[in-house]
């Protein structure tokens, strides 16, 4: 299976659709494989689902993906079926829930939001996410990560203070479901690796929030983790 994973957050009438694509990569000096985001797209507000399907079809034709992870929470299975009509490949519908267990249903997954965000946060904490510096929406994605807030309750559940409560969080959600799907199906650890020349990683003592702030600063000042 190819190492590429595409995450799609399908917006409704007043919400943007976000598309984030990543591959498994590794520095030429070795080290653990990481996720390298090399494509980000936010179609204009109000773009029809059939047109989004065509956009994805054209992209997948040039960059084959092992998995297309689609957030089906708000739009339901009908829109997912529209995507299936254009033969994108393996589509994995993901319905985000407030529960505590991941279950499968009709070929898709019902995943607790705490697991989706916990997976992304773990990848960030381990410095296993990088963004191609030339992407026009790269800084926008990092901005969304910077604005994102996760609150831990005493019950160990997670309350999301920025999840669909801000004008734009479609890209961070698309990124989160792509990371979850890639880790779930072990594409990062089991696939052939693309090598990139990257600098030494930041200190392991750096917190996840500090790392995202560093990503944001590099987006303004020059490439280091955006490369």
Foldseek 3Di string as FASTA:
>chain_A
DAFKEKFWEDDDQQAWIKIWMWGWAAAPVDDATFTETEDIDIDDRRDDLLVVLVVLLVVCVVVPHAEYEYAQAPVHVVSVVSNVVSPNHHYEYEHEDCDDDWDDDPRHIDHHPQLLVVLVQVSLLVLRYFYALPDPCQLVQLVLVLPWDWDADPVRGIDTPPVPPDRDDNHVSSVSRRSSVSVVVVSNPPDDHHHDHADDDDDSVDHSNNSSVVSNVCSVVHDHRND
